Amino acid sequence: MSGVDRRAVIGMAGAAGTGMLLAACGDSDSDSGSDTGSGSTGAATTAASTTAAAGGDVITKASDVPVGGGVITDTYVVTQPESGTYKAFSNVCTHQGCKVAEVADKVIKCNCHQSTFDITTGAPTGGPATKSLAETAVKESDGNIVTA
């Protein structure tokens, strides 16, 4: 025969198949990751696609954001720490990537692991999160909160 035994041939074929299978898994994982963590697809893009007359994307109506509280949109948490002052932060908790769930008692709350964030700065105020929520500059324009 050729000097290569049957086990060696099966081992090489198995290794080649495993390599192709792993490559396919890598492609699949990266595709599914882009669908879920970014907040840049689907409704989030639609919600932010309206452009205000003064420039910037409309996030929400100013009248929907209570003083001392906030609202959660597809992409942002928009707060109004004091009358006429608006802030916008990522709605993704910095601890493990859960979406924050509510704004109450002047804090943004993530119900996954009980992290809380300041509505003025986005800085963590409790729970396991140690990094601030990413802030986006916003302003009020024609009754809307828009990206600045």
N, C-alpha and C. Protein backbone atom coordinates (compact mmCIF):
# COMPACT_ATOMS: atom_id res chain seq x y z
N MET A 1 0.83 -1.17 0.00
CA MET A 1 0.00 0.00 0.00
C MET A 1 0.89 1.26 0.00
N SER A 2 0.30 2.42 0.30
CA SER A 2 1.03 3.67 0.14
C SER A 2 1.87 4.05 1.35
N GLY A 3 1.76 3.36 2.46
CA GLY A 3 2.55 3.68 3.64
C GLY A 3 1.80 4.57 4.63
N VAL A 4 0.61 5.07 4.29
CA VAL A 4 -0.19 5.87 5.20
C VAL A 4 -1.31 4.97 5.70
N ASP A 5 -1.40 4.85 7.03
CA ASP A 5 -2.43 3.95 7.52
C ASP A 5 -3.80 4.64 7.57
N ARG A 6 -4.83 3.82 7.70
CA ARG A 6 -6.21 4.28 7.67
C ARG A 6 -6.50 5.32 8.74
N ARG A 7 -5.96 5.18 9.95
CA ARG A 7 -6.18 6.13 11.05
C ARG A 7 -5.63 7.51 10.71
N ALA A 8 -4.50 7.59 10.08
CA ALA A 8 -3.90 8.87 9.72
C ALA A 8 -4.78 9.61 8.72
N VAL A 9 -5.31 8.86 7.73
CA VAL A 9 -6.17 9.48 6.72
C VAL A 9 -7.45 10.00 7.38
N ILE A 10 -8.06 9.21 8.24
CA ILE A 10 -9.28 9.63 8.94
C ILE A 10 -8.99 10.83 9.83
N GLY A 11 -7.86 10.83 10.51
CA GLY A 11 -7.48 11.95 11.38
C GLY A 11 -7.30 13.24 10.59
N MET A 12 -6.63 13.14 9.41
CA MET A 12 -6.44 14.33 8.58
C MET A 12 -7.78 14.85 8.05
N ALA A 13 -8.65 13.97 7.63
CA ALA A 13 -9.96 14.38 7.12
C ALA A 13 -10.77 15.02 8.24
N GLY A 14 -10.70 14.45 9.43
CA GLY A 14 -11.42 15.02 10.57
C GLY A 14 -10.90 16.40 10.92
N ALA A 15 -9.59 16.59 10.90
CA ALA A 15 -9.01 17.90 11.23
C ALA A 15 -9.40 18.93 10.19
N ALA A 16 -9.40 18.56 8.93
CA ALA A 16 -9.79 19.49 7.87
C ALA A 16 -11.25 19.87 8.03
N GLY A 17 -12.09 18.90 8.31
CA GLY A 17 -13.52 19.17 8.51
C GLY A 17 -13.76 20.06 9.71
N THR A 18 -13.02 19.83 10.79
CA THR A 18 -13.15 20.65 11.99
C THR A 18 -12.74 22.08 11.71
N GLY A 19 -11.68 22.25 10.93
CA GLY A 19 -11.24 23.60 10.58
C GLY A 19 -12.31 24.35 9.79
N MET A 20 -12.93 23.65 8.83
CA MET A 20 -13.99 24.29 8.06
C MET A 20 -15.19 24.58 8.94
N LEU A 21 -15.51 23.67 9.83
CA LEU A 21 -16.64 23.86 10.73
C LEU A 21 -16.38 25.05 11.65
N LEU A 22 -15.18 25.18 12.19
CA LEU A 22 -14.85 26.31 13.05
C LEU A 22 -14.90 27.62 12.28
N ALA A 23 -14.43 27.62 11.04
CA ALA A 23 -14.49 28.83 10.24
C ALA A 23 -15.94 29.24 10.02
N ALA A 24 -16.79 28.26 9.76
CA ALA A 24 -18.21 28.56 9.56
C ALA A 24 -18.83 29.09 10.84
N CYS A 25 -18.45 28.53 11.98
CA CYS A 25 -18.97 29.03 13.25
C CYS A 25 -18.54 30.47 13.48
N GLY A 26 -17.30 30.79 13.16
CA GLY A 26 -16.82 32.16 13.34
C GLY A 26 -17.62 33.14 12.52
N ASP A 27 -17.93 32.78 11.27
CA ASP A 27 -18.73 33.66 10.43
C ASP A 27 -20.13 33.82 10.98
N SER A 28 -20.71 32.72 11.42
CA SER A 28 -22.07 32.76 11.94
C SER A 28 -22.14 33.58 13.22
N ASP A 29 -21.17 33.39 14.11
CA ASP A 29 -21.17 34.13 15.37
C ASP A 29 -21.03 35.63 15.13
N SER A 30 -20.15 36.00 14.21
CA SER A 30 -19.98 37.43 13.99
C SER A 30 -21.21 38.03 13.33
N ASP A 31 -21.90 37.27 12.49
CA ASP A 31 -23.14 37.78 11.89
C ASP A 31 -24.20 37.98 12.95
N SER A 32 -24.38 36.98 13.83
CA SER A 32 -25.43 37.12 14.83
C SER A 32 -25.09 38.19 15.84
N GLY A 33 -23.82 38.42 16.11
CA GLY A 33 -23.43 39.46 17.05
C GLY A 33 -23.77 40.84 16.51
N SER A 34 -23.68 41.01 15.19
CA SER A 34 -23.98 42.32 14.65
C SER A 34 -25.47 42.60 14.65
N ASP A 35 -26.29 41.56 14.73
CA ASP A 35 -27.73 41.77 14.75
C ASP A 35 -28.24 42.17 16.11
N THR A 36 -27.56 41.83 17.18
CA THR A 36 -28.15 42.04 18.49
C THR A 36 -27.47 43.05 19.38
N GLY A 37 -26.29 43.33 19.38
CA GLY A 37 -25.74 44.21 20.40
C GLY A 37 -25.60 45.66 20.02
N SER A 38 -25.67 45.97 18.74
CA SER A 38 -25.30 47.31 18.33
C SER A 38 -26.41 48.34 18.47
N GLY A 39 -27.65 47.91 18.37
CA GLY A 39 -28.74 48.87 18.40
C GLY A 39 -28.78 49.73 17.15
N SER A 40 -28.07 49.33 16.09
CA SER A 40 -28.03 50.16 14.89
C SER A 40 -28.87 49.59 13.77
N THR A 41 -29.66 48.55 14.04
CA THR A 41 -30.49 47.98 13.01
C THR A 41 -31.95 48.06 13.40
N GLY A 42 -32.81 47.80 12.47
CA GLY A 42 -34.24 47.72 12.75
C GLY A 42 -34.83 49.02 13.22
N ALA A 43 -35.64 48.94 14.26
CA ALA A 43 -36.39 50.09 14.76
C ALA A 43 -35.49 51.22 15.24
N ALA A 44 -34.31 50.88 15.75
CA ALA A 44 -33.43 51.93 16.26
C ALA A 44 -33.02 52.88 15.13
N THR A 45 -32.71 52.33 13.97
CA THR A 45 -32.34 53.17 12.84
C THR A 45 -33.53 54.00 12.40
N THR A 46 -34.71 53.40 12.33
CA THR A 46 -35.91 54.11 11.93
C THR A 46 -36.21 55.24 12.90
N ALA A 47 -36.11 54.98 14.20
CA ALA A 47 -36.43 56.01 15.20
C ALA A 47 -35.49 57.20 15.12
N ALA A 48 -34.25 56.98 14.77
CA ALA A 48 -33.27 58.05 14.75
C ALA A 48 -33.10 58.68 13.37
N SER A 49 -33.87 58.22 12.39
CA SER A 49 -33.63 58.69 11.03
C SER A 49 -34.30 60.02 10.71
N THR A 50 -35.22 60.48 11.53
CA THR A 50 -35.86 61.76 11.28
C THR A 50 -34.90 62.87 11.65
N THR A 51 -34.68 63.79 10.73
CA THR A 51 -33.75 64.89 10.97
C THR A 51 -34.54 66.16 11.27
N ALA A 52 -34.15 66.84 12.34
CA ALA A 52 -34.81 68.08 12.74
C ALA A 52 -34.38 69.21 11.83
N ALA A 53 -35.20 70.27 11.77
CA ALA A 53 -34.88 71.43 10.93
C ALA A 53 -33.55 72.05 11.32
N ALA A 54 -33.20 72.02 12.61
CA ALA A 54 -31.96 72.62 13.08
C ALA A 54 -30.77 71.68 12.96
N GLY A 55 -30.95 70.53 12.34
CA GLY A 55 -29.88 69.55 12.20
C GLY A 55 -29.93 68.53 13.32
N GLY A 56 -29.35 67.40 13.11
CA GLY A 56 -29.35 66.33 14.12
C GLY A 56 -30.54 65.42 13.96
N ASP A 57 -30.42 64.23 14.49
CA ASP A 57 -31.49 63.24 14.43
C ASP A 57 -32.44 63.41 15.61
N VAL A 58 -33.73 63.31 15.35
CA VAL A 58 -34.72 63.38 16.42
C VAL A 58 -34.68 62.09 17.21
N ILE A 59 -34.57 62.21 18.54
CA ILE A 59 -34.55 61.04 19.42
C ILE A 59 -35.93 60.83 20.03
N THR A 60 -36.53 61.89 20.55
CA THR A 60 -37.84 61.81 21.18
C THR A 60 -38.41 63.22 21.31
N LYS A 61 -39.65 63.31 21.69
CA LYS A 61 -40.27 64.61 21.95
C LYS A 61 -39.83 65.10 23.33
N ALA A 62 -39.54 66.38 23.43
CA ALA A 62 -39.13 66.97 24.71
C ALA A 62 -40.24 66.80 25.75
N SER A 63 -41.49 66.89 25.34
CA SER A 63 -42.61 66.76 26.28
C SER A 63 -42.73 65.36 26.88
N ASP A 64 -42.10 64.37 26.28
CA ASP A 64 -42.13 63.00 26.80
C ASP A 64 -41.11 62.75 27.90
N VAL A 65 -40.19 63.70 28.11
CA VAL A 65 -39.11 63.52 29.09
C VAL A 65 -39.44 64.31 30.36
N PRO A 66 -39.80 63.61 31.44
CA PRO A 66 -40.17 64.33 32.67
C PRO A 66 -38.96 64.95 33.37
N VAL A 67 -39.18 66.08 34.02
CA VAL A 67 -38.13 66.71 34.82
C VAL A 67 -37.79 65.77 35.97
N GLY A 68 -36.51 65.52 36.16
CA GLY A 68 -36.05 64.62 37.22
C GLY A 68 -36.14 63.14 36.83
N GLY A 69 -36.49 62.87 35.58
CA GLY A 69 -36.63 61.50 35.10
C GLY A 69 -36.12 61.36 33.69
N GLY A 70 -36.72 60.44 32.97
CA GLY A 70 -36.29 60.22 31.60
C GLY A 70 -37.13 59.19 30.89
N VAL A 71 -36.78 58.97 29.63
CA VAL A 71 -37.43 57.95 28.81
C VAL A 71 -36.35 57.10 28.15
N ILE A 72 -36.70 55.87 27.85
CA ILE A 72 -35.79 54.95 27.18
C ILE A 72 -36.31 54.74 25.76
N THR A 73 -35.45 55.01 24.78
CA THR A 73 -35.80 54.81 23.37
C THR A 73 -35.09 53.55 22.87
N ASP A 74 -35.16 53.32 21.58
CA ASP A 74 -34.50 52.15 21.00
C ASP A 74 -32.99 52.16 21.20
N THR A 75 -32.40 53.34 21.27
CA THR A 75 -30.95 53.47 21.35
C THR A 75 -30.47 54.21 22.58
N TYR A 76 -31.27 55.15 23.08
CA TYR A 76 -30.82 56.05 24.14
C TYR A 76 -31.70 56.01 25.38
N VAL A 77 -31.14 56.55 26.46
CA VAL A 77 -31.90 56.97 27.63
C VAL A 77 -31.79 58.48 27.61
N VAL A 78 -32.92 59.17 27.48
CA VAL A 78 -32.92 60.63 27.46
C VAL A 78 -33.45 61.09 28.80
N THR A 79 -32.70 61.95 29.48
CA THR A 79 -33.09 62.42 30.80
C THR A 79 -33.21 63.94 30.81
N GLN A 80 -33.92 64.44 31.82
CA GLN A 80 -34.03 65.88 32.04
C GLN A 80 -33.77 66.11 33.53
N PRO A 81 -32.49 66.19 33.91
CA PRO A 81 -32.14 66.33 35.33
C PRO A 81 -32.76 67.57 35.98
N GLU A 82 -32.84 68.65 35.23
CA GLU A 82 -33.51 69.87 35.70
C GLU A 82 -34.23 70.47 34.51
N SER A 83 -35.21 71.27 34.76
CA SER A 83 -36.05 71.83 33.70
C SER A 83 -35.21 72.47 32.59
N GLY A 84 -35.41 71.99 31.36
CA GLY A 84 -34.72 72.55 30.21
C GLY A 84 -33.35 71.99 29.91
N THR A 85 -32.83 71.11 30.77
CA THR A 85 -31.52 70.48 30.55
C THR A 85 -31.75 69.02 30.16
N TYR A 86 -31.31 68.65 28.98
CA TYR A 86 -31.51 67.29 28.48
C TYR A 86 -30.18 66.59 28.30
N LYS A 87 -30.15 65.31 28.63
CA LYS A 87 -28.97 64.47 28.47
C LYS A 87 -29.40 63.19 27.76
N ALA A 88 -28.49 62.60 27.00
CA ALA A 88 -28.77 61.32 26.36
C ALA A 88 -27.58 60.40 26.57
N PHE A 89 -27.89 59.17 26.92
CA PHE A 89 -26.88 58.15 27.18
C PHE A 89 -27.25 56.88 26.43
N SER A 90 -26.28 56.02 26.21
CA SER A 90 -26.57 54.71 25.64
C SER A 90 -27.52 53.97 26.57
N ASN A 91 -28.44 53.21 26.00
CA ASN A 91 -29.35 52.45 26.85
C ASN A 91 -28.80 51.05 27.17
N VAL A 92 -27.52 50.83 26.91
CA VAL A 92 -26.88 49.54 27.17
C VAL A 92 -26.03 49.64 28.43
N CYS A 93 -26.34 48.84 29.43
CA CYS A 93 -25.60 48.83 30.69
C CYS A 93 -24.14 48.44 30.45
N THR A 94 -23.25 49.13 31.11
CA THR A 94 -21.81 48.88 30.94
C THR A 94 -21.33 47.64 31.69
N HIS A 95 -22.19 47.04 32.52
CA HIS A 95 -21.77 45.86 33.26
C HIS A 95 -21.69 44.64 32.35
N GLN A 96 -22.83 44.23 31.77
CA GLN A 96 -22.80 43.06 30.89
C GLN A 96 -23.65 43.22 29.65
N GLY A 97 -23.96 44.46 29.29
CA GLY A 97 -24.63 44.70 28.02
C GLY A 97 -26.14 44.56 28.00
N CYS A 98 -26.78 44.44 29.15
CA CYS A 98 -28.24 44.41 29.17
C CYS A 98 -28.77 45.80 28.84
N LYS A 99 -29.98 45.87 28.33
CA LYS A 99 -30.62 47.17 28.12
C LYS A 99 -31.14 47.64 29.47
N VAL A 100 -30.93 48.93 29.75
CA VAL A 100 -31.46 49.48 30.99
C VAL A 100 -32.98 49.42 30.93
N ALA A 101 -33.62 49.39 32.09
CA ALA A 101 -35.05 49.11 32.12
C ALA A 101 -35.93 50.28 32.50
N GLU A 102 -35.42 51.21 33.31
CA GLU A 102 -36.28 52.30 33.76
C GLU A 102 -35.46 53.48 34.26
N VAL A 103 -36.15 54.62 34.37
CA VAL A 103 -35.58 55.81 34.97
C VAL A 103 -36.54 56.21 36.09
N ALA A 104 -36.04 56.17 37.31
CA ALA A 104 -36.87 56.50 38.47
C ALA A 104 -35.98 56.99 39.60
N ASP A 105 -36.54 57.84 40.45
CA ASP A 105 -35.79 58.35 41.60
C ASP A 105 -34.45 58.97 41.21
N LYS A 106 -34.43 59.65 40.07
CA LYS A 106 -33.25 60.34 39.54
C LYS A 106 -32.08 59.42 39.21
N VAL A 107 -32.38 58.15 38.92
CA VAL A 107 -31.35 57.21 38.47
C VAL A 107 -31.88 56.38 37.30
N ILE A 108 -30.94 55.95 36.48
CA ILE A 108 -31.23 55.02 35.39
C ILE A 108 -30.94 53.64 35.96
N LYS A 109 -31.90 52.72 35.82
CA LYS A 109 -31.76 51.40 36.45
C LYS A 109 -31.67 50.29 35.42
N CYS A 110 -30.74 49.36 35.68
CA CYS A 110 -30.63 48.14 34.90
C CYS A 110 -31.10 47.01 35.79
N ASN A 111 -32.12 46.31 35.37
CA ASN A 111 -32.68 45.25 36.20
C ASN A 111 -31.93 43.93 36.14
N CYS A 112 -31.01 43.78 35.18
CA CYS A 112 -30.28 42.51 35.08
C CYS A 112 -29.46 42.21 36.33
N HIS A 113 -28.67 43.19 36.78
CA HIS A 113 -27.81 42.98 37.95
C HIS A 113 -27.88 44.15 38.92
N GLN A 114 -28.93 44.96 38.78
CA GLN A 114 -29.22 46.07 39.70
C GLN A 114 -28.23 47.22 39.66
N SER A 115 -27.58 47.44 38.53
CA SER A 115 -26.73 48.62 38.40
C SER A 115 -27.61 49.86 38.27
N THR A 116 -27.12 50.98 38.78
CA THR A 116 -27.82 52.25 38.64
C THR A 116 -26.84 53.31 38.17
N PHE A 117 -27.38 54.33 37.46
CA PHE A 117 -26.55 55.37 36.87
C PHE A 117 -27.19 56.72 37.12
N ASP A 118 -26.37 57.74 37.31
CA ASP A 118 -26.82 59.10 37.54
C ASP A 118 -27.47 59.67 36.27
N ILE A 119 -28.63 60.35 36.40
CA ILE A 119 -29.32 60.87 35.22
C ILE A 119 -28.64 62.11 34.63
N THR A 120 -27.72 62.72 35.37
CA THR A 120 -27.02 63.91 34.88
C THR A 120 -25.72 63.56 34.17
N THR A 121 -25.00 62.58 34.70
CA THR A 121 -23.67 62.26 34.17
C THR A 121 -23.56 60.88 33.52
N GLY A 122 -24.48 59.98 33.82
CA GLY A 122 -24.39 58.61 33.34
C GLY A 122 -23.42 57.77 34.15
N ALA A 123 -22.84 58.34 35.21
CA ALA A 123 -21.87 57.62 36.05
C ALA A 123 -22.59 56.57 36.90
N PRO A 124 -21.93 55.44 37.14
CA PRO A 124 -22.56 54.42 37.98
C PRO A 124 -22.72 54.91 39.42
N THR A 125 -23.87 54.61 40.00
CA THR A 125 -24.14 54.99 41.40
C THR A 125 -24.39 53.78 42.28
N GLY A 126 -24.46 52.61 41.70
CA GLY A 126 -24.67 51.40 42.48
C GLY A 126 -24.62 50.18 41.59
N GLY A 127 -24.51 49.01 42.24
CA GLY A 127 -24.47 47.75 41.51
C GLY A 127 -23.09 47.42 41.00
N PRO A 128 -22.99 46.39 40.17
CA PRO A 128 -21.67 45.95 39.71
C PRO A 128 -21.05 46.81 38.60
N ALA A 129 -21.82 47.64 37.91
CA ALA A 129 -21.24 48.46 36.83
C ALA A 129 -20.21 49.43 37.39
N THR A 130 -19.09 49.57 36.69
CA THR A 130 -18.03 50.49 37.13
C THR A 130 -17.75 51.58 36.11
N LYS A 131 -18.33 51.48 34.91
CA LYS A 131 -18.10 52.47 33.86
C LYS A 131 -19.39 53.24 33.61
N SER A 132 -19.24 54.51 33.23
CA SER A 132 -20.38 55.35 32.90
C SER A 132 -21.03 54.92 31.59
N LEU A 133 -22.32 55.23 31.46
CA LEU A 133 -23.01 55.03 30.20
C LEU A 133 -22.44 56.03 29.19
N ALA A 134 -22.28 55.62 27.95
CA ALA A 134 -21.76 56.50 26.91
C ALA A 134 -22.76 57.63 26.66
N GLU A 135 -22.26 58.87 26.65
CA GLU A 135 -23.13 60.03 26.47
C GLU A 135 -23.09 60.51 25.02
N THR A 136 -24.24 60.99 24.55
CA THR A 136 -24.37 61.61 23.24
C THR A 136 -24.89 63.03 23.47
N ALA A 137 -24.25 64.01 22.87
CA ALA A 137 -24.68 65.40 23.03
C ALA A 137 -26.03 65.59 22.35
N VAL A 138 -26.96 66.24 23.06
CA VAL A 138 -28.29 66.51 22.53
C VAL A 138 -28.71 67.94 22.86
N LYS A 139 -29.74 68.38 22.16
CA LYS A 139 -30.33 69.68 22.43
C LYS A 139 -31.82 69.61 22.12
N GLU A 140 -32.55 70.60 22.60
CA GLU A 140 -33.98 70.71 22.29
C GLU A 140 -34.12 71.58 21.05
N SER A 141 -34.90 71.13 20.09
CA SER A 141 -35.11 71.89 18.87
C SER A 141 -36.55 71.66 18.38
N ASP A 142 -37.34 72.72 18.34
CA ASP A 142 -38.72 72.65 17.86
C ASP A 142 -39.54 71.59 18.59
N GLY A 143 -39.35 71.49 19.90
CA GLY A 143 -40.11 70.55 20.70
C GLY A 143 -39.59 69.13 20.69
N ASN A 144 -38.47 68.92 20.05
CA ASN A 144 -37.85 67.58 20.00
C ASN A 144 -36.48 67.59 20.65
N ILE A 145 -36.06 66.43 21.11
CA ILE A 145 -34.68 66.24 21.57
C ILE A 145 -33.94 65.66 20.38
N VAL A 146 -32.89 66.35 19.95
CA VAL A 146 -32.13 65.94 18.76
C VAL A 146 -30.66 65.82 19.10
N THR A 147 -29.96 65.00 18.33
CA THR A 147 -28.51 64.90 18.51
C THR A 147 -27.89 66.22 18.10
N ALA A 148 -26.90 66.65 18.85
CA ALA A 148 -26.28 67.96 18.60
C ALA A 148 -25.17 67.85 17.57
